Amino acid sequence: MTTDYQTTQATQAAEEKPLKSPCVSICALDEEDVCVGCFRTAAEITHWRSYDNTERRAVLALARERASKVNPFF
């Protein structure tokens, strides 16, 4: 059984614009295959266009985590 809340969430998700890439045009991978500009892995960068917003948010969270290990001010 679907609730009105679930229907509203599904409608909002369908209408939501795709999250933009966090690319900052500093495209260089480190020895761990992580971009030193946006902190995404090569695989995450490659698959970004095929991800839905839920997957993109997860990638962004991982990228923030990676960035904070390198620079605590992120």
PDB file of N, CA and C in Angstrom:
ATOM      1  N   MET A   1       0.844  -1.183   0.000  1.00  0.00           N
ATOM      2  CA  MET A   1       0.000   0.000   0.000  1.00  0.00           C
ATOM      3  C   MET A   1       0.887   1.243   0.000  1.00  0.00           C
ATOM      4  N   THR A   2       0.632   2.162  -0.890  1.00  0.00           N
ATOM      5  CA  THR A   2       1.414   3.387  -1.026  1.00  0.00           C
ATOM      6  C   THR A   2       0.710   4.521  -0.303  1.00  0.00           C
ATOM      7  N   THR A   3       1.487   5.237   0.518  1.00  0.00           N
ATOM      8  CA  THR A   3       0.916   6.382   1.230  1.00  0.00           C
ATOM      9  C   THR A   3       1.051   7.635   0.391  1.00  0.00           C
ATOM     10  N   ASP A   4       0.300   8.667   0.769  1.00  0.00           N
ATOM     11  CA  ASP A   4       0.409   9.950   0.076  1.00  0.00           C
ATOM     12  C   ASP A   4       1.825  10.495   0.174  1.00  0.00           C
ATOM     13  N   TYR A   5       2.468  10.286   1.328  1.00  0.00           N
ATOM     14  CA  TYR A   5       3.836  10.759   1.529  1.00  0.00           C
ATOM     15  C   TYR A   5       4.790  10.089   0.544  1.00  0.00           C
ATOM     16  N   GLN A   6       4.653   8.769   0.363  1.00  0.00           N
ATOM     17  CA  GLN A   6       5.504   8.041  -0.569  1.00  0.00           C
ATOM     18  C   GLN A   6       5.252   8.502  -2.004  1.00  0.00           C
ATOM     19  N   THR A   7       4.016   8.749  -2.338  1.00  0.00           N
ATOM     20  CA  THR A   7       3.680   9.239  -3.676  1.00  0.00           C
ATOM     21  C   THR A   7       4.291  10.610  -3.903  1.00  0.00           C
ATOM     22  N   THR A   8       4.199  11.482  -2.900  1.00  0.00           N
ATOM     23  CA  THR A   8       4.782  12.825  -3.001  1.00  0.00           C
ATOM     24  C   THR A   8       6.293  12.733  -3.164  1.00  0.00           C
ATOM     25  N   GLN A   9       6.936  11.879  -2.392  1.00  0.00           N
ATOM     26  CA  GLN A   9       8.386  11.697  -2.501  1.00  0.00           C
ATOM     27  C   GLN A   9       8.768  11.199  -3.897  1.00  0.00           C
ATOM     28  N   ALA A  10       8.055  10.246  -4.403  1.00  0.00           N
ATOM     29  CA  ALA A  10       8.352   9.690  -5.727  1.00  0.00           C
ATOM     30  C   ALA A  10       8.168  10.754  -6.800  1.00  0.00           C
ATOM     31  N   THR A  11       7.129  11.569  -6.667  1.00  0.00           N
ATOM     32  CA  THR A  11       6.879  12.638  -7.638  1.00  0.00           C
ATOM     33  C   THR A  11       7.988  13.674  -7.581  1.00  0.00           C
ATOM     34  N   GLN A  12       8.395  14.068  -6.373  1.00  0.00           N
ATOM     35  CA  GLN A  12       9.472  15.045  -6.227  1.00  0.00           C
ATOM     36  C   GLN A  12      10.774  14.507  -6.794  1.00  0.00           C
ATOM     37  N   ALA A  13      11.066  13.241  -6.553  1.00  0.00           N
ATOM     38  CA  ALA A  13      12.291  12.635  -7.070  1.00  0.00           C
ATOM     39  C   ALA A  13      12.285  12.620  -8.593  1.00  0.00           C
ATOM     40  N   ALA A  14      11.137  12.351  -9.181  1.00  0.00           N
ATOM     41  CA  ALA A  14      11.040  12.314 -10.637  1.00  0.00           C
ATOM     42  C   ALA A  14      11.199  13.706 -11.236  1.00  0.00           C
ATOM     43  N   GLU A  15      10.764  14.738 -10.507  1.00  0.00           N
ATOM     44  CA  GLU A  15      10.827  16.106 -11.003  1.00  0.00           C
ATOM     45  C   GLU A  15      12.136  16.803 -10.655  1.00  0.00           C
ATOM     46  N   GLU A  16      12.919  16.224  -9.774  1.00  0.00           N
ATOM     47  CA  GLU A  16      14.160  16.837  -9.315  1.00  0.00           C
ATOM     48  C   GLU A  16      15.184  16.903 -10.443  1.00  0.00           C
ATOM     49  N   LYS A  17      15.850  18.040 -10.549  1.00  0.00           N
ATOM     50  CA  LYS A  17      16.898  18.182 -11.560  1.00  0.00           C
ATOM     51  C   LYS A  17      18.111  17.369 -11.129  1.00  0.00           C
ATOM     52  N   PRO A  18      18.858  16.837 -12.089  1.00  0.00           N
ATOM     53  CA  PRO A  18      20.072  16.077 -11.742  1.00  0.00           C
ATOM     54  C   PRO A  18      21.085  16.981 -11.034  1.00  0.00           C
ATOM     55  N   LEU A  19      21.701  16.450 -10.000  1.00  0.00           N
ATOM     56  CA  LEU A  19      22.750  17.190  -9.308  1.00  0.00           C
ATOM     57  C   LEU A  19      23.916  17.406 -10.249  1.00  0.00           C
ATOM     58  N   LYS A  20      24.519  18.580 -10.168  1.00  0.00           N
ATOM     59  CA  LYS A  20      25.639  18.906 -11.040  1.00  0.00           C
ATOM     60  C   LYS A  20      26.904  18.205 -10.580  1.00  0.00           C
ATOM     61  N   SER A  21      27.774  17.992 -11.512  1.00  0.00           N
ATOM     62  CA  SER A  21      29.075  17.399 -11.234  1.00  0.00           C
ATOM     63  C   SER A  21      29.889  18.336 -10.342  1.00  0.00           C
ATOM     64  N   PRO A  22      30.634  17.788  -9.405  1.00  0.00           N
ATOM     65  CA  PRO A  22      31.478  18.620  -8.549  1.00  0.00           C
ATOM     66  C   PRO A  22      32.828  18.959  -9.185  1.00  0.00           C
ATOM     67  N   CYS A  23      32.986  18.662 -10.453  1.00  0.00           N
ATOM     68  CA  CYS A  23      34.246  18.898 -11.151  1.00  0.00           C
ATOM     69  C   CYS A  23      34.651  20.367 -11.031  1.00  0.00           C
ATOM     70  N   VAL A  24      35.924  20.592 -10.713  1.00  0.00           N
ATOM     71  CA  VAL A  24      36.465  21.952 -10.617  1.00  0.00           C
ATOM     72  C   VAL A  24      37.562  22.176 -11.657  1.00  0.00           C
ATOM     73  N   SER A  25      37.591  21.327 -12.657  1.00  0.00           N
ATOM     74  CA  SER A  25      38.540  21.413 -13.774  1.00  0.00           C
ATOM     75  C   SER A  25      40.001  21.324 -13.348  1.00  0.00           C
ATOM     76  N   ILE A  26      40.235  20.600 -12.282  1.00  0.00           N
ATOM     77  CA  ILE A  26      41.601  20.248 -11.881  1.00  0.00           C
ATOM     78  C   ILE A  26      41.635  18.720 -11.954  1.00  0.00           C
ATOM     79  N   CYS A  27      41.738  18.218 -13.152  1.00  0.00           N
ATOM     80  CA  CYS A  27      41.562  16.798 -13.407  1.00  0.00           C
ATOM     81  C   CYS A  27      42.903  16.076 -13.402  1.00  0.00           C
ATOM     82  N   ALA A  28      43.223  15.510 -12.260  1.00  0.00           N
ATOM     83  CA  ALA A  28      44.450  14.723 -12.119  1.00  0.00           C
ATOM     84  C   ALA A  28      44.197  13.680 -11.049  1.00  0.00           C
ATOM     85  N   LEU A  29      44.500  12.444 -11.374  1.00  0.00           N
ATOM     86  CA  LEU A  29      44.289  11.357 -10.418  1.00  0.00           C
ATOM     87  C   LEU A  29      45.552  11.120  -9.611  1.00  0.00           C
ATOM     88  N   ASP A  30      45.368  10.877  -8.321  1.00  0.00           N
ATOM     89  CA  ASP A  30      46.511  10.553  -7.473  1.00  0.00           C
ATOM     90  C   ASP A  30      46.809   9.057  -7.580  1.00  0.00           C
ATOM     91  N   GLU A  31      47.729   8.577  -6.774  1.00  0.00           N
ATOM     92  CA  GLU A  31      48.127   7.167  -6.843  1.00  0.00           C
ATOM     93  C   GLU A  31      47.020   6.197  -6.426  1.00  0.00           C
ATOM     94  N   GLU A  32      45.962   6.715  -5.784  1.00  0.00           N
ATOM     95  CA  GLU A  32      44.822   5.877  -5.388  1.00  0.00           C
ATOM     96  C   GLU A  32      43.651   6.008  -6.361  1.00  0.00           C
ATOM     97  N   ASP A  33      43.889   6.628  -7.515  1.00  0.00           N
ATOM     98  CA  ASP A  33      42.861   6.827  -8.547  1.00  0.00           C
ATOM     99  C   ASP A  33      41.754   7.775  -8.094  1.00  0.00           C
ATOM    100  N   VAL A  34      42.119   8.761  -7.266  1.00  0.00           N
ATOM    101  CA  VAL A  34      41.176   9.769  -6.791  1.00  0.00           C
ATOM    102  C   VAL A  34      41.587  11.111  -7.384  1.00  0.00           C
ATOM    103  N   CYS A  35      40.623  11.826  -7.919  1.00  0.00           N
ATOM    104  CA  CYS A  35      40.899  13.136  -8.510  1.00  0.00           C
ATOM    105  C   CYS A  35      41.291  14.124  -7.409  1.00  0.00           C
ATOM    106  N   VAL A  36      42.372  14.849  -7.627  1.00  0.00           N
ATOM    107  CA  VAL A  36      42.833  15.825  -6.631  1.00  0.00           C
ATOM    108  C   VAL A  36      41.996  17.100  -6.663  1.00  0.00           C
ATOM    109  N   GLY A  37      41.127  17.243  -7.637  1.00  0.00           N
ATOM    110  CA  GLY A  37      40.261  18.415  -7.716  1.00  0.00           C
ATOM    111  C   GLY A  37      38.920  18.212  -7.044  1.00  0.00           C
ATOM    112  N   CYS A  38      38.232  17.118  -7.377  1.00  0.00           N
ATOM    113  CA  CYS A  38      36.878  16.896  -6.848  1.00  0.00           C
ATOM    114  C   CYS A  38      36.796  15.732  -5.859  1.00  0.00           C
ATOM    115  N   PHE A  39      37.861  14.970  -5.727  1.00  0.00           N
ATOM    116  CA  PHE A  39      37.961  13.855  -4.776  1.00  0.00           C
ATOM    117  C   PHE A  39      37.034  12.683  -5.094  1.00  0.00           C
ATOM    118  N   ARG A  40      36.622  12.570  -6.360  1.00  0.00           N
ATOM    119  CA  ARG A  40      35.895  11.378  -6.788  1.00  0.00           C
ATOM    120  C   ARG A  40      36.898  10.393  -7.361  1.00  0.00           C
ATOM    121  N   THR A  41      36.552   9.113  -7.313  1.00  0.00           N
ATOM    122  CA  THR A  41      37.404   8.105  -7.931  1.00  0.00           C
ATOM    123  C   THR A  41      37.193   8.145  -9.442  1.00  0.00           C
ATOM    124  N   ALA A  42      38.107   7.528 -10.158  1.00  0.00           N
ATOM    125  CA  ALA A  42      37.978   7.460 -11.614  1.00  0.00           C
ATOM    126  C   ALA A  42      36.663   6.783 -12.001  1.00  0.00           C
ATOM    127  N   ALA A  43      36.281   5.743 -11.295  1.00  0.00           N
ATOM    128  CA  ALA A  43      35.023   5.043 -11.584  1.00  0.00           C
ATOM    129  C   ALA A  43      33.821   5.942 -11.325  1.00  0.00           C
ATOM    130  N   GLU A  44      33.862   6.702 -10.237  1.00  0.00           N
ATOM    131  CA  GLU A  44      32.749   7.611  -9.928  1.00  0.00           C
ATOM    132  C   GLU A  44      32.618   8.705 -10.990  1.00  0.00           C
ATOM    133  N   ILE A  45      33.748   9.203 -11.463  1.00  0.00           N
ATOM    134  CA  ILE A  45      33.736  10.226 -12.510  1.00  0.00           C
ATOM    135  C   ILE A  45      33.149   9.638 -13.789  1.00  0.00           C
ATOM    136  N   THR A  46      33.596   8.460 -14.144  1.00  0.00           N
ATOM    137  CA  THR A  46      33.152   7.799 -15.371  1.00  0.00           C
ATOM    138  C   THR A  46      31.653   7.518 -15.357  1.00  0.00           C
ATOM    139  N   HIS A  47      31.126   7.119 -14.208  1.00  0.00           N
ATOM    140  CA  HIS A  47      29.725   6.707 -14.116  1.00  0.00           C
ATOM    141  C   HIS A  47      28.782   7.836 -13.697  1.00  0.00           C
ATOM    142  N   TRP A  48      29.295   9.024 -13.430  1.00  0.00           N
ATOM    143  CA  TRP A  48      28.493  10.123 -12.892  1.00  0.00           C
ATOM    144  C   TRP A  48      27.197  10.344 -13.688  1.00  0.00           C
ATOM    145  N   ARG A  49      27.286  10.367 -14.997  1.00  0.00           N
ATOM    146  CA  ARG A  49      26.097  10.653 -15.829  1.00  0.00           C
ATOM    147  C   ARG A  49      25.011   9.592 -15.704  1.00  0.00           C
ATOM    148  N   SER A  50      25.380   8.383 -15.365  1.00  0.00           N
ATOM    149  CA  SER A  50      24.385   7.315 -15.254  1.00  0.00           C
ATOM    150  C   SER A  50      23.786   7.211 -13.846  1.00  0.00           C
ATOM    151  N   TYR A  51      24.351   7.927 -12.880  1.00  0.00           N
ATOM    152  CA  TYR A  51      23.848   7.874 -11.507  1.00  0.00           C
ATOM    153  C   TYR A  51      22.578   8.703 -11.361  1.00  0.00           C
ATOM    154  N   ASP A  52      21.664   8.226 -10.521  1.00  0.00           N
ATOM    155  CA  ASP A  52      20.521   9.057 -10.156  1.00  0.00           C
ATOM    156  C   ASP A  52      20.968   9.959  -8.989  1.00  0.00           C
ATOM    157  N   ASN A  53      20.110  10.848  -8.539  1.00  0.00           N
ATOM    158  CA  ASN A  53      20.517  11.799  -7.508  1.00  0.00           C
ATOM    159  C   ASN A  53      20.861  11.134  -6.177  1.00  0.00           C
ATOM    160  N   THR A  54      20.231  10.036  -5.864  1.00  0.00           N
ATOM    161  CA  THR A  54      20.559   9.323  -4.630  1.00  0.00           C
ATOM    162  C   THR A  54      21.993   8.817  -4.691  1.00  0.00           C
ATOM    163  N   GLU A  55      22.364   8.242  -5.819  1.00  0.00           N
ATOM    164  CA  GLU A  55      23.734   7.755  -6.004  1.00  0.00           C
ATOM    165  C   GLU A  55      24.719   8.920  -6.029  1.00  0.00           C
ATOM    166  N   ARG A  56      24.328  10.012  -6.660  1.00  0.00           N
ATOM    167  CA  ARG A  56      25.204  11.183  -6.717  1.00  0.00           C
ATOM    168  C   ARG A  56      25.451  11.753  -5.326  1.00  0.00           C
ATOM    169  N   ARG A  57      24.417  11.799  -4.507  1.00  0.00           N
ATOM    170  CA  ARG A  57      24.593  12.286  -3.129  1.00  0.00           C
ATOM    171  C   ARG A  57      25.562  11.387  -2.357  1.00  0.00           C
ATOM    172  N   ALA A  58      25.461  10.099  -2.576  1.00  0.00           N
ATOM    173  CA  ALA A  58      26.378   9.163  -1.906  1.00  0.00           C
ATOM    174  C   ALA A  58      27.820   9.408  -2.357  1.00  0.00           C
ATOM    175  N   VAL A  59      28.018   9.626  -3.651  1.00  0.00           N
ATOM    176  CA  VAL A  59      29.357   9.910  -4.181  1.00  0.00           C
ATOM    177  C   VAL A  59      29.873  11.222  -3.599  1.00  0.00           C
ATOM    178  N   LEU A  60      29.021  12.231  -3.536  1.00  0.00           N
ATOM    179  CA  LEU A  60      29.433  13.523  -2.978  1.00  0.00           C
ATOM    180  C   LEU A  60      29.835  13.396  -1.513  1.00  0.00           C
ATOM    181  N   ALA A  61      29.109  12.580  -0.764  1.00  0.00           N
ATOM    182  CA  ALA A  61      29.451  12.357   0.641  1.00  0.00           C
ATOM    183  C   ALA A  61      30.812  11.673   0.759  1.00  0.00           C
ATOM    184  N   LEU A  62      31.053  10.676  -0.086  1.00  0.00           N
ATOM    185  CA  LEU A  62      32.358  10.004  -0.078  1.00  0.00           C
ATOM    186  C   LEU A  62      33.472  10.962  -0.473  1.00  0.00           C
ATOM    187  N   ALA A  63      33.200  11.806  -1.451  1.00  0.00           N
ATOM    188  CA  ALA A  63      34.198  12.779  -1.901  1.00  0.00           C
ATOM    189  C   ALA A  63      34.519  13.765  -0.783  1.00  0.00           C
ATOM    190  N   ARG A  64      33.505  14.227  -0.054  1.00  0.00           N
ATOM    191  CA  ARG A  64      33.742  15.134   1.086  1.00  0.00           C
ATOM    192  C   ARG A  64      34.584  14.457   2.155  1.00  0.00           C
ATOM    193  N   GLU A  65      34.299  13.189   2.381  1.00  0.00           N
ATOM    194  CA  GLU A  65      35.062  12.422   3.367  1.00  0.00           C
ATOM    195  C   GLU A  65      36.533  12.316   2.948  1.00  0.00           C
ATOM    196  N   ARG A  66      36.746  12.024   1.671  1.00  0.00           N
ATOM    197  CA  ARG A  66      38.124  11.945   1.156  1.00  0.00           C
ATOM    198  C   ARG A  66      38.820  13.302   1.251  1.00  0.00           C
ATOM    199  N   ALA A  67      38.106  14.345   0.902  1.00  0.00           N
ATOM    200  CA  ALA A  67      38.675  15.695   0.939  1.00  0.00           C
ATOM    201  C   ALA A  67      39.059  16.094   2.359  1.00  0.00           C
ATOM    202  N   SER A  68      38.244  15.721   3.334  1.00  0.00           N
ATOM    203  CA  SER A  68      38.531  16.106   4.714  1.00  0.00           C
ATOM    204  C   SER A  68      39.764  15.389   5.271  1.00  0.00           C
ATOM    205  N   LYS A  69      40.094  14.249   4.702  1.00  0.00           N
ATOM    206  CA  LYS A  69      41.315  13.549   5.122  1.00  0.00           C
ATOM    207  C   LYS A  69      42.567  14.288   4.634  1.00  0.00           C
ATOM    208  N   VAL A  70      42.435  14.962   3.499  1.00  0.00           N
ATOM    209  CA  VAL A  70      43.546  15.693   2.912  1.00  0.00           C
ATOM    210  C   VAL A  70      43.608  17.114   3.476  1.00  0.00           C
ATOM    211  N   ASN A  71      42.431  17.732   3.655  1.00  0.00           N
ATOM    212  CA  ASN A  71      42.354  19.098   4.112  1.00  0.00           C
ATOM    213  C   ASN A  71      41.235  19.201   5.144  1.00  0.00           C
ATOM    214  N   PRO A  72      41.563  19.389   6.417  1.00  0.00           N
ATOM    215  CA  PRO A  72      40.547  19.415   7.465  1.00  0.00           C
ATOM    216  C   PRO A  72      39.578  20.592   7.372  1.00  0.00           C
ATOM    217  N   PHE A  73      39.846  21.554   6.491  1.00  0.00           N
ATOM    218  CA  PHE A  73      38.969  22.710   6.352  1.00  0.00           C
ATOM    219  C   PHE A  73      37.816  22.462   5.398  1.00  0.00           C
ATOM    220  N   PHE A  74      37.760  21.306   4.747  1.00  0.00           N
ATOM    221  CA  PHE A  74      36.645  20.959   3.863  1.00  0.00           C
ATOM    222  C   PHE A  74      35.440  20.607   4.665  1.00  0.00           C
TER     223      PHE A  74
END
